[in-house]
Amino acid sequence: AFDYLAESAEGGYNWIILDPPAIA
């Protein structure tokens, strides 16, 4: 997911869901 956001040129989303695992 981190790489996808950093490398993807595509935009235009109405919604982005960020539900990362519990790393803490």
mmCIF file of all heavy atoms, coordinates in Angstrom:
data_MODEL
# 
_entry.id   MODEL 
# 
loop_
_atom_site.group_PDB 
_atom_site.id 
_atom_site.type_symbol 
_atom_site.label_atom_id 
_atom_site.label_alt_id 
_atom_site.label_comp_id 
_atom_site.label_asym_id 
_atom_site.label_entity_id 
_atom_site.label_seq_id 
_atom_site.pdbx_PDB_ins_code 
_atom_site.Cartn_x 
_atom_site.Cartn_y 
_atom_site.Cartn_z 
_atom_site.occupancy 
_atom_site.B_iso_or_equiv 
_atom_site.pdbx_formal_charge 
_atom_site.auth_seq_id 
_atom_site.auth_comp_id 
_atom_site.auth_asym_id 
_atom_site.auth_atom_id 
_atom_site.pdbx_PDB_model_num 
ATOM 1   N N   . ALA A 1 1  ? 0.819   -1.214 0.000   1.00 0.00 ? 1  ALA A N   1 
ATOM 2   C CA  . ALA A 1 1  ? 0.000   0.000  0.000   1.00 0.00 ? 1  ALA A CA  1 
ATOM 3   C C   . ALA A 1 1  ? 0.849   1.259  0.000   1.00 0.00 ? 1  ALA A C   1 
ATOM 4   O O   . ALA A 1 1  ? 0.538   2.245  -0.684  1.00 0.00 ? 1  ALA A O   1 
ATOM 5   C CB  . ALA A 1 1  ? -0.937  -0.011 1.197   1.00 0.00 ? 1  ALA A CB  1 
ATOM 6   N N   . PHE A 1 2  ? 1.942   1.266  0.765   1.00 0.00 ? 2  PHE A N   1 
ATOM 7   C CA  . PHE A 1 2  ? 2.821   2.431  0.801   1.00 0.00 ? 2  PHE A CA  1 
ATOM 8   C C   . PHE A 1 2  ? 3.413   2.694  -0.582  1.00 0.00 ? 2  PHE A C   1 
ATOM 9   O O   . PHE A 1 2  ? 3.428   3.836  -1.063  1.00 0.00 ? 2  PHE A O   1 
ATOM 10  C CB  . PHE A 1 2  ? 3.943   2.214  1.819   1.00 0.00 ? 2  PHE A CB  1 
ATOM 11  C CG  . PHE A 1 2  ? 3.507   2.279  3.247   1.00 0.00 ? 2  PHE A CG  1 
ATOM 12  C CD1 . PHE A 1 2  ? 3.124   1.123  3.923   1.00 0.00 ? 2  PHE A CD1 1 
ATOM 13  C CD2 . PHE A 1 2  ? 3.486   3.481  3.934   1.00 0.00 ? 2  PHE A CD2 1 
ATOM 14  C CE1 . PHE A 1 2  ? 2.729   1.177  5.252   1.00 0.00 ? 2  PHE A CE1 1 
ATOM 15  C CE2 . PHE A 1 2  ? 3.091   3.551  5.257   1.00 0.00 ? 2  PHE A CE2 1 
ATOM 16  C CZ  . PHE A 1 2  ? 2.711   2.387  5.924   1.00 0.00 ? 2  PHE A CZ  1 
ATOM 17  N N   . ASP A 1 3  ? 3.894   1.625  -1.221  1.00 0.00 ? 3  ASP A N   1 
ATOM 18  C CA  . ASP A 1 3  ? 4.489   1.783  -2.553  1.00 0.00 ? 3  ASP A CA  1 
ATOM 19  C C   . ASP A 1 3  ? 3.443   2.197  -3.572  1.00 0.00 ? 3  ASP A C   1 
ATOM 20  O O   . ASP A 1 3  ? 3.721   3.005  -4.471  1.00 0.00 ? 3  ASP A O   1 
ATOM 21  C CB  . ASP A 1 3  ? 5.152   0.472  -2.990  1.00 0.00 ? 3  ASP A CB  1 
ATOM 22  C CG  . ASP A 1 3  ? 6.349   0.104  -2.122  1.00 0.00 ? 3  ASP A CG  1 
ATOM 23  O OD1 . ASP A 1 3  ? 6.873   0.987  -1.420  1.00 0.00 ? 3  ASP A OD1 1 
ATOM 24  O OD2 . ASP A 1 3  ? 6.749   -1.082 -2.143  1.00 0.00 ? 3  ASP A OD2 1 
ATOM 25  N N   . TYR A 1 4  ? 2.249   1.636  -3.444  1.00 0.00 ? 4  TYR A N   1 
ATOM 26  C CA  . TYR A 1 4  ? 1.195   1.938  -4.413  1.00 0.00 ? 4  TYR A CA  1 
ATOM 27  C C   . TYR A 1 4  ? 0.875   3.430  -4.397  1.00 0.00 ? 4  TYR A C   1 
ATOM 28  O O   . TYR A 1 4  ? 0.756   4.070  -5.451  1.00 0.00 ? 4  TYR A O   1 
ATOM 29  C CB  . TYR A 1 4  ? -0.053  1.132  -4.108  1.00 0.00 ? 4  TYR A CB  1 
ATOM 30  C CG  . TYR A 1 4  ? -1.111  1.233  -5.180  1.00 0.00 ? 4  TYR A CG  1 
ATOM 31  C CD1 . TYR A 1 4  ? -1.104  0.380  -6.281  1.00 0.00 ? 4  TYR A CD1 1 
ATOM 32  C CD2 . TYR A 1 4  ? -2.109  2.208  -5.110  1.00 0.00 ? 4  TYR A CD2 1 
ATOM 33  C CE1 . TYR A 1 4  ? -2.055  0.487  -7.276  1.00 0.00 ? 4  TYR A CE1 1 
ATOM 34  C CE2 . TYR A 1 4  ? -3.071  2.321  -6.099  1.00 0.00 ? 4  TYR A CE2 1 
ATOM 35  C CZ  . TYR A 1 4  ? -3.034  1.457  -7.181  1.00 0.00 ? 4  TYR A CZ  1 
ATOM 36  O OH  . TYR A 1 4  ? -3.973  1.580  -8.172  1.00 0.00 ? 4  TYR A OH  1 
ATOM 37  N N   . LEU A 1 5  ? 0.746   4.003  -3.192  1.00 0.00 ? 5  LEU A N   1 
ATOM 38  C CA  . LEU A 1 5  ? 0.457   5.430  -3.099  1.00 0.00 ? 5  LEU A CA  1 
ATOM 39  C C   . LEU A 1 5  ? 1.606   6.267  -3.641  1.00 0.00 ? 5  LEU A C   1 
ATOM 40  O O   . LEU A 1 5  ? 1.401   7.263  -4.330  1.00 0.00 ? 5  LEU A O   1 
ATOM 41  C CB  . LEU A 1 5  ? 0.188   5.811  -1.643  1.00 0.00 ? 5  LEU A CB  1 
ATOM 42  C CG  . LEU A 1 5  ? -1.203  5.526  -1.089  1.00 0.00 ? 5  LEU A CG  1 
ATOM 43  C CD1 . LEU A 1 5  ? -1.264  5.885  0.387   1.00 0.00 ? 5  LEU A CD1 1 
ATOM 44  C CD2 . LEU A 1 5  ? -2.280  6.289  -1.860  1.00 0.00 ? 5  LEU A CD2 1 
ATOM 45  N N   . ALA A 1 6  ? 2.828   5.864  -3.300  1.00 0.00 ? 6  ALA A N   1 
ATOM 46  C CA  . ALA A 1 6  ? 3.995   6.655  -3.685  1.00 0.00 ? 6  ALA A CA  1 
ATOM 47  C C   . ALA A 1 6  ? 4.261   6.614  -5.185  1.00 0.00 ? 6  ALA A C   1 
ATOM 48  O O   . ALA A 1 6  ? 4.757   7.590  -5.762  1.00 0.00 ? 6  ALA A O   1 
ATOM 49  C CB  . ALA A 1 6  ? 5.220   6.172  -2.918  1.00 0.00 ? 6  ALA A CB  1 
ATOM 50  N N   . GLU A 1 7  ? 3.936   5.484  -5.832  1.00 0.00 ? 7  GLU A N   1 
ATOM 51  C CA  . GLU A 1 7  ? 4.320   5.286  -7.224  1.00 0.00 ? 7  GLU A CA  1 
ATOM 52  C C   . GLU A 1 7  ? 3.188   5.485  -8.213  1.00 0.00 ? 7  GLU A C   1 
ATOM 53  O O   . GLU A 1 7  ? 3.427   5.728  -9.400  1.00 0.00 ? 7  GLU A O   1 
ATOM 54  C CB  . GLU A 1 7  ? 4.892   3.863  -7.384  1.00 0.00 ? 7  GLU A CB  1 
ATOM 55  C CG  . GLU A 1 7  ? 6.154   3.632  -6.556  1.00 0.00 ? 7  GLU A CG  1 
ATOM 56  C CD  . GLU A 1 7  ? 6.589   2.182  -6.551  1.00 0.00 ? 7  GLU A CD  1 
ATOM 57  O OE1 . GLU A 1 7  ? 5.935   1.369  -7.252  1.00 0.00 ? 7  GLU A OE1 1 
ATOM 58  O OE2 . GLU A 1 7  ? 7.560   1.847  -5.843  1.00 0.00 ? 7  GLU A OE2 1 
ATOM 59  N N   . SER A 1 8  ? 1.933   5.382  -7.754  1.00 0.00 ? 8  SER A N   1 
ATOM 60  C CA  . SER A 1 8  ? 0.805   5.486  -8.673  1.00 0.00 ? 8  SER A CA  1 
ATOM 61  C C   . SER A 1 8  ? 0.567   6.936  -9.067  1.00 0.00 ? 8  SER A C   1 
ATOM 62  O O   . SER A 1 8  ? 0.559   7.839  -8.219  1.00 0.00 ? 8  SER A O   1 
ATOM 63  C CB  . SER A 1 8  ? -0.461  4.916  -8.024  1.00 0.00 ? 8  SER A CB  1 
ATOM 64  O OG  . SER A 1 8  ? -1.581  5.121  -8.875  1.00 0.00 ? 8  SER A OG  1 
ATOM 65  N N   . ALA A 1 9  ? 0.372   7.146  -10.345 1.00 0.00 ? 9  ALA A N   1 
ATOM 66  C CA  . ALA A 1 9  ? 0.070   8.491  -10.843 1.00 0.00 ? 9  ALA A CA  1 
ATOM 67  C C   . ALA A 1 9  ? -1.430  8.742  -10.883 1.00 0.00 ? 9  ALA A C   1 
ATOM 68  O O   . ALA A 1 9  ? -1.874  9.869  -11.115 1.00 0.00 ? 9  ALA A O   1 
ATOM 69  C CB  . ALA A 1 9  ? 0.664   8.671  -12.242 1.00 0.00 ? 9  ALA A CB  1 
ATOM 70  N N   . GLU A 1 10 ? -2.199  7.707  -10.654 1.00 0.00 ? 10 GLU A N   1 
ATOM 71  C CA  . GLU A 1 10 ? -3.649  7.820  -10.764 1.00 0.00 ? 10 GLU A CA  1 
ATOM 72  C C   . GLU A 1 10 ? -4.212  8.558  -9.557  1.00 0.00 ? 10 GLU A C   1 
ATOM 73  O O   . GLU A 1 10 ? -3.787  8.373  -8.426  1.00 0.00 ? 10 GLU A O   1 
ATOM 74  C CB  . GLU A 1 10 ? -4.284  6.431  -10.860 1.00 0.00 ? 10 GLU A CB  1 
ATOM 75  C CG  . GLU A 1 10 ? -5.764  6.458  -11.163 1.00 0.00 ? 10 GLU A CG  1 
ATOM 76  C CD  . GLU A 1 10 ? -6.312  5.076  -11.430 1.00 0.00 ? 10 GLU A CD  1 
ATOM 77  O OE1 . GLU A 1 10 ? -5.550  4.099  -11.302 1.00 0.00 ? 10 GLU A OE1 1 
ATOM 78  O OE2 . GLU A 1 10 ? -7.505  4.975  -11.750 1.00 0.00 ? 10 GLU A OE2 1 
ATOM 79  N N   . GLY A 1 11 ? -5.170  9.424  -9.800  1.00 0.00 ? 11 GLY A N   1 
ATOM 80  C CA  . GLY A 1 11 ? -5.835  10.168 -8.736  1.00 0.00 ? 11 GLY A CA  1 
ATOM 81  C C   . GLY A 1 11 ? -7.323  10.224 -8.994  1.00 0.00 ? 11 GLY A C   1 
ATOM 82  O O   . GLY A 1 11 ? -7.900  9.329  -9.608  1.00 0.00 ? 11 GLY A O   1 
ATOM 83  N N   . GLY A 1 12 ? -7.935  11.276 -8.528  1.00 0.00 ? 12 GLY A N   1 
ATOM 84  C CA  . GLY A 1 12 ? -9.351  11.461 -8.787  1.00 0.00 ? 12 GLY A CA  1 
ATOM 85  C C   . GLY A 1 12 ? -10.258 10.593 -7.946  1.00 0.00 ? 12 GLY A C   1 
ATOM 86  O O   . GLY A 1 12 ? -11.403 10.305 -8.347  1.00 0.00 ? 12 GLY A O   1 
ATOM 87  N N   . TYR A 1 13 ? -9.800  10.190 -6.776  1.00 0.00 ? 13 TYR A N   1 
ATOM 88  C CA  . TYR A 1 13 ? -10.640 9.362  -5.907  1.00 0.00 ? 13 TYR A CA  1 
ATOM 89  C C   . TYR A 1 13 ? -11.547 10.237 -5.050  1.00 0.00 ? 13 TYR A C   1 
ATOM 90  O O   . TYR A 1 13 ? -11.166 11.330 -4.600  1.00 0.00 ? 13 TYR A O   1 
ATOM 91  C CB  . TYR A 1 13 ? -9.786  8.483  -4.994  1.00 0.00 ? 13 TYR A CB  1 
ATOM 92  C CG  . TYR A 1 13 ? -9.059  7.383  -5.732  1.00 0.00 ? 13 TYR A CG  1 
ATOM 93  C CD1 . TYR A 1 13 ? -7.695  7.483  -6.002  1.00 0.00 ? 13 TYR A CD1 1 
ATOM 94  C CD2 . TYR A 1 13 ? -9.748  6.257  -6.162  1.00 0.00 ? 13 TYR A CD2 1 
ATOM 95  C CE1 . TYR A 1 13 ? -7.026  6.480  -6.683  1.00 0.00 ? 13 TYR A CE1 1 
ATOM 96  C CE2 . TYR A 1 13 ? -9.083  5.244  -6.853  1.00 0.00 ? 13 TYR A CE2 1 
ATOM 97  C CZ  . TYR A 1 13 ? -7.725  5.360  -7.107  1.00 0.00 ? 13 TYR A CZ  1 
ATOM 98  O OH  . TYR A 1 13 ? -7.075  4.368  -7.790  1.00 0.00 ? 13 TYR A OH  1 
ATOM 99  N N   . ASN A 1 14 ? -12.744 9.746  -4.827  1.00 0.00 ? 14 ASN A N   1 
ATOM 100 C CA  . ASN A 1 14 ? -13.671 10.392 -3.897  1.00 0.00 ? 14 ASN A CA  1 
ATOM 101 C C   . ASN A 1 14 ? -13.482 9.894  -2.472  1.00 0.00 ? 14 ASN A C   1 
ATOM 102 O O   . ASN A 1 14 ? -13.814 10.598 -1.511  1.00 0.00 ? 14 ASN A O   1 
ATOM 103 C CB  . ASN A 1 14 ? -15.126 10.139 -4.325  1.00 0.00 ? 14 ASN A CB  1 
ATOM 104 C CG  . ASN A 1 14 ? -15.397 10.564 -5.745  1.00 0.00 ? 14 ASN A CG  1 
ATOM 105 O OD1 . ASN A 1 14 ? -15.392 9.733  -6.664  1.00 0.00 ? 14 ASN A OD1 1 
ATOM 106 N ND2 . ASN A 1 14 ? -15.641 11.850 -5.943  1.00 0.00 ? 14 ASN A ND2 1 
ATOM 107 N N   . TRP A 1 15 ? -12.973 8.671  -2.356  1.00 0.00 ? 15 TRP A N   1 
ATOM 108 C CA  . TRP A 1 15 ? -12.746 8.061  -1.050  1.00 0.00 ? 15 TRP A CA  1 
ATOM 109 C C   . TRP A 1 15 ? -11.445 7.272  -1.071  1.00 0.00 ? 15 TRP A C   1 
ATOM 110 O O   . TRP A 1 15 ? -11.176 6.547  -2.031  1.00 0.00 ? 15 TRP A O   1 
ATOM 111 C CB  . TRP A 1 15 ? -13.882 7.086  -0.691  1.00 0.00 ? 15 TRP A CB  1 
ATOM 112 C CG  . TRP A 1 15 ? -15.219 7.719  -0.500  1.00 0.00 ? 15 TRP A CG  1 
ATOM 113 C CD1 . TRP A 1 15 ? -16.143 7.991  -1.467  1.00 0.00 ? 15 TRP A CD1 1 
ATOM 114 C CD2 . TRP A 1 15 ? -15.780 8.140  0.737   1.00 0.00 ? 15 TRP A CD2 1 
ATOM 115 N NE1 . TRP A 1 15 ? -17.250 8.564  -0.921  1.00 0.00 ? 15 TRP A NE1 1 
ATOM 116 C CE2 . TRP A 1 15 ? -17.066 8.673  0.445   1.00 0.00 ? 15 TRP A CE2 1 
ATOM 117 C CE3 . TRP A 1 15 ? -15.346 8.125  2.064   1.00 0.00 ? 15 TRP A CE3 1 
ATOM 118 C CZ2 . TRP A 1 15 ? -17.911 9.172  1.429   1.00 0.00 ? 15 TRP A CZ2 1 
ATOM 119 C CZ3 . TRP A 1 15 ? -16.186 8.622  3.037   1.00 0.00 ? 15 TRP A CZ3 1 
ATOM 120 C CH2 . TRP A 1 15 ? -17.441 9.151  2.723   1.00 0.00 ? 15 TRP A CH2 1 
ATOM 121 N N   . ILE A 1 16 ? -10.674 7.393  0.004   1.00 0.00 ? 16 ILE A N   1 
ATOM 122 C CA  . ILE A 1 16 ? -9.512  6.523  0.208   1.00 0.00 ? 16 ILE A CA  1 
ATOM 123 C C   . ILE A 1 16 ? -9.594  5.964  1.625   1.00 0.00 ? 16 ILE A C   1 
ATOM 124 O O   . ILE A 1 16 ? -9.696  6.729  2.594   1.00 0.00 ? 16 ILE A O   1 
ATOM 125 C CB  . ILE A 1 16 ? -8.178  7.277  0.001   1.00 0.00 ? 16 ILE A CB  1 
ATOM 126 C CG1 . ILE A 1 16 ? -8.085  7.807  -1.439  1.00 0.00 ? 16 ILE A CG1 1 
ATOM 127 C CG2 . ILE A 1 16 ? -6.998  6.359  0.311   1.00 0.00 ? 16 ILE A CG2 1 
ATOM 128 C CD1 . ILE A 1 16 ? -6.804  8.593  -1.718  1.00 0.00 ? 16 ILE A CD1 1 
ATOM 129 N N   . ILE A 1 17 ? -9.564  4.646  1.728   1.00 0.00 ? 17 ILE A N   1 
ATOM 130 C CA  . ILE A 1 17 ? -9.633  3.967  3.018   1.00 0.00 ? 17 ILE A CA  1 
ATOM 131 C C   . ILE A 1 17 ? -8.227  3.545  3.417   1.00 0.00 ? 17 ILE A C   1 
ATOM 132 O O   . ILE A 1 17 ? -7.543  2.838  2.657   1.00 0.00 ? 17 ILE A O   1 
ATOM 133 C CB  . ILE A 1 17 ? -10.546 2.724  2.955   1.00 0.00 ? 17 ILE A CB  1 
ATOM 134 C CG1 . ILE A 1 17 ? -11.861 3.033  2.228   1.00 0.00 ? 17 ILE A CG1 1 
ATOM 135 C CG2 . ILE A 1 17 ? -10.790 2.166  4.345   1.00 0.00 ? 17 ILE A CG2 1 
ATOM 136 C CD1 . ILE A 1 17 ? -12.708 4.076  2.874   1.00 0.00 ? 17 ILE A CD1 1 
ATOM 137 N N   . LEU A 1 18 ? -7.794  3.946  4.601   1.00 0.00 ? 18 LEU A N   1 
ATOM 138 C CA  . LEU A 1 18 ? -6.482  3.569  5.138   1.00 0.00 ? 18 LEU A CA  1 
ATOM 139 C C   . LEU A 1 18 ? -6.714  2.758  6.409   1.00 0.00 ? 18 LEU A C   1 
ATOM 140 O O   . LEU A 1 18 ? -7.047  3.318  7.455   1.00 0.00 ? 18 LEU A O   1 
ATOM 141 C CB  . LEU A 1 18 ? -5.647  4.817  5.448   1.00 0.00 ? 18 LEU A CB  1 
ATOM 142 C CG  . LEU A 1 18 ? -5.431  5.809  4.294   1.00 0.00 ? 18 LEU A CG  1 
ATOM 143 C CD1 . LEU A 1 18 ? -4.706  7.053  4.804   1.00 0.00 ? 18 LEU A CD1 1 
ATOM 144 C CD2 . LEU A 1 18 ? -4.647  5.153  3.163   1.00 0.00 ? 18 LEU A CD2 1 
ATOM 145 N N   . ASP A 1 19 ? -6.549  1.454  6.306   1.00 0.00 ? 19 ASP A N   1 
ATOM 146 C CA  . ASP A 1 19 ? -6.795  0.575  7.460   1.00 0.00 ? 19 ASP A CA  1 
ATOM 147 C C   . ASP A 1 19 ? -5.586  -0.329 7.683   1.00 0.00 ? 19 ASP A C   1 
ATOM 148 O O   . ASP A 1 19 ? -5.650  -1.549 7.512   1.00 0.00 ? 19 ASP A O   1 
ATOM 149 C CB  . ASP A 1 19 ? -8.057  -0.258 7.217   1.00 0.00 ? 19 ASP A CB  1 
ATOM 150 C CG  . ASP A 1 19 ? -8.488  -1.045 8.445   1.00 0.00 ? 19 ASP A CG  1 
ATOM 151 O OD1 . ASP A 1 19 ? -7.999  -0.734 9.550   1.00 0.00 ? 19 ASP A OD1 1 
ATOM 152 O OD2 . ASP A 1 19 ? -9.310  -1.976 8.301   1.00 0.00 ? 19 ASP A OD2 1 
ATOM 153 N N   . PRO A 1 20 ? -4.447  0.270  8.106   1.00 0.00 ? 20 PRO A N   1 
ATOM 154 C CA  . PRO A 1 20 ? -3.222  -0.525 8.259   1.00 0.00 ? 20 PRO A CA  1 
ATOM 155 C C   . PRO A 1 20 ? -3.298  -1.465 9.453   1.00 0.00 ? 20 PRO A C   1 
ATOM 156 O O   . PRO A 1 20 ? -4.113  -1.266 10.365  1.00 0.00 ? 20 PRO A O   1 
ATOM 157 C CB  . PRO A 1 20 ? -2.148  0.548  8.480   1.00 0.00 ? 20 PRO A CB  1 
ATOM 158 C CG  . PRO A 1 20 ? -2.889  1.678  9.125   1.00 0.00 ? 20 PRO A CG  1 
ATOM 159 C CD  . PRO A 1 20 ? -4.249  1.679  8.471   1.00 0.00 ? 20 PRO A CD  1 
ATOM 160 N N   . PRO A 1 21 ? -2.464  -2.493 9.479   1.00 0.00 ? 21 PRO A N   1 
ATOM 161 C CA  . PRO A 1 21 ? -2.444  -3.414 10.625  1.00 0.00 ? 21 PRO A CA  1 
ATOM 162 C C   . PRO A 1 21 ? -1.957  -2.709 11.884  1.00 0.00 ? 21 PRO A C   1 
ATOM 163 O O   . PRO A 1 21 ? -1.316  -1.654 11.823  1.00 0.00 ? 21 PRO A O   1 
ATOM 164 C CB  . PRO A 1 21 ? -1.474  -4.514 10.182  1.00 0.00 ? 21 PRO A CB  1 
ATOM 165 C CG  . PRO A 1 21 ? -0.610  -3.870 9.154   1.00 0.00 ? 21 PRO A CG  1 
ATOM 166 C CD  . PRO A 1 21 ? -1.487  -2.875 8.449   1.00 0.00 ? 21 PRO A CD  1 
ATOM 167 N N   . ALA A 1 22 ? -2.256  -3.325 13.033  1.00 0.00 ? 22 ALA A N   1 
ATOM 168 C CA  . ALA A 1 22 ? -1.860  -2.745 14.323  1.00 0.00 ? 22 ALA A CA  1 
ATOM 169 C C   . ALA A 1 22 ? -0.379  -3.013 14.556  1.00 0.00 ? 22 ALA A C   1 
ATOM 170 O O   . ALA A 1 22 ? -0.011  -4.081 15.051  1.00 0.00 ? 22 ALA A O   1 
ATOM 171 C CB  . ALA A 1 22 ? -2.701  -3.331 15.442  1.00 0.00 ? 22 ALA A CB  1 
ATOM 172 N N   . ILE A 1 23 ? 0.452   -2.033 14.225  1.00 0.00 ? 23 ILE A N   1 
ATOM 173 C CA  . ILE A 1 23 ? 1.893   -2.238 14.362  1.00 0.00 ? 23 ILE A CA  1 
ATOM 174 C C   . ILE A 1 23 ? 2.410   -1.721 15.704  1.00 0.00 ? 23 ILE A C   1 
ATOM 175 O O   . ILE A 1 23 ? 3.601   -1.815 15.984  1.00 0.00 ? 23 ILE A O   1 
ATOM 176 C CB  . ILE A 1 23 ? 2.659   -1.548 13.223  1.00 0.00 ? 23 ILE A CB  1 
ATOM 177 C CG1 . ILE A 1 23 ? 2.417   -0.031 13.236  1.00 0.00 ? 23 ILE A CG1 1 
ATOM 178 C CG2 . ILE A 1 23 ? 2.277   -2.140 11.887  1.00 0.00 ? 23 ILE A CG2 1 
ATOM 179 C CD1 . ILE A 1 23 ? 3.231   0.731  12.214  1.00 0.00 ? 23 ILE A CD1 1 
ATOM 180 N N   . ALA A 1 24 ? 1.525   -1.172 16.533  1.00 0.00 ? 24 ALA A N   1 
ATOM 181 C CA  . ALA A 1 24 ? 1.961   -0.606 17.816  1.00 0.00 ? 24 ALA A CA  1 
ATOM 182 C C   . ALA A 1 24 ? 1.186   -1.235 18.958  1.00 0.00 ? 24 ALA A C   1 
ATOM 183 O O   . ALA A 1 24 ? 0.275   -0.647 19.514  1.00 0.00 ? 24 ALA A O   1 
ATOM 184 C CB  . ALA A 1 24 ? 1.780   0.908  17.827  1.00 0.00 ? 24 ALA A CB  1 
# 
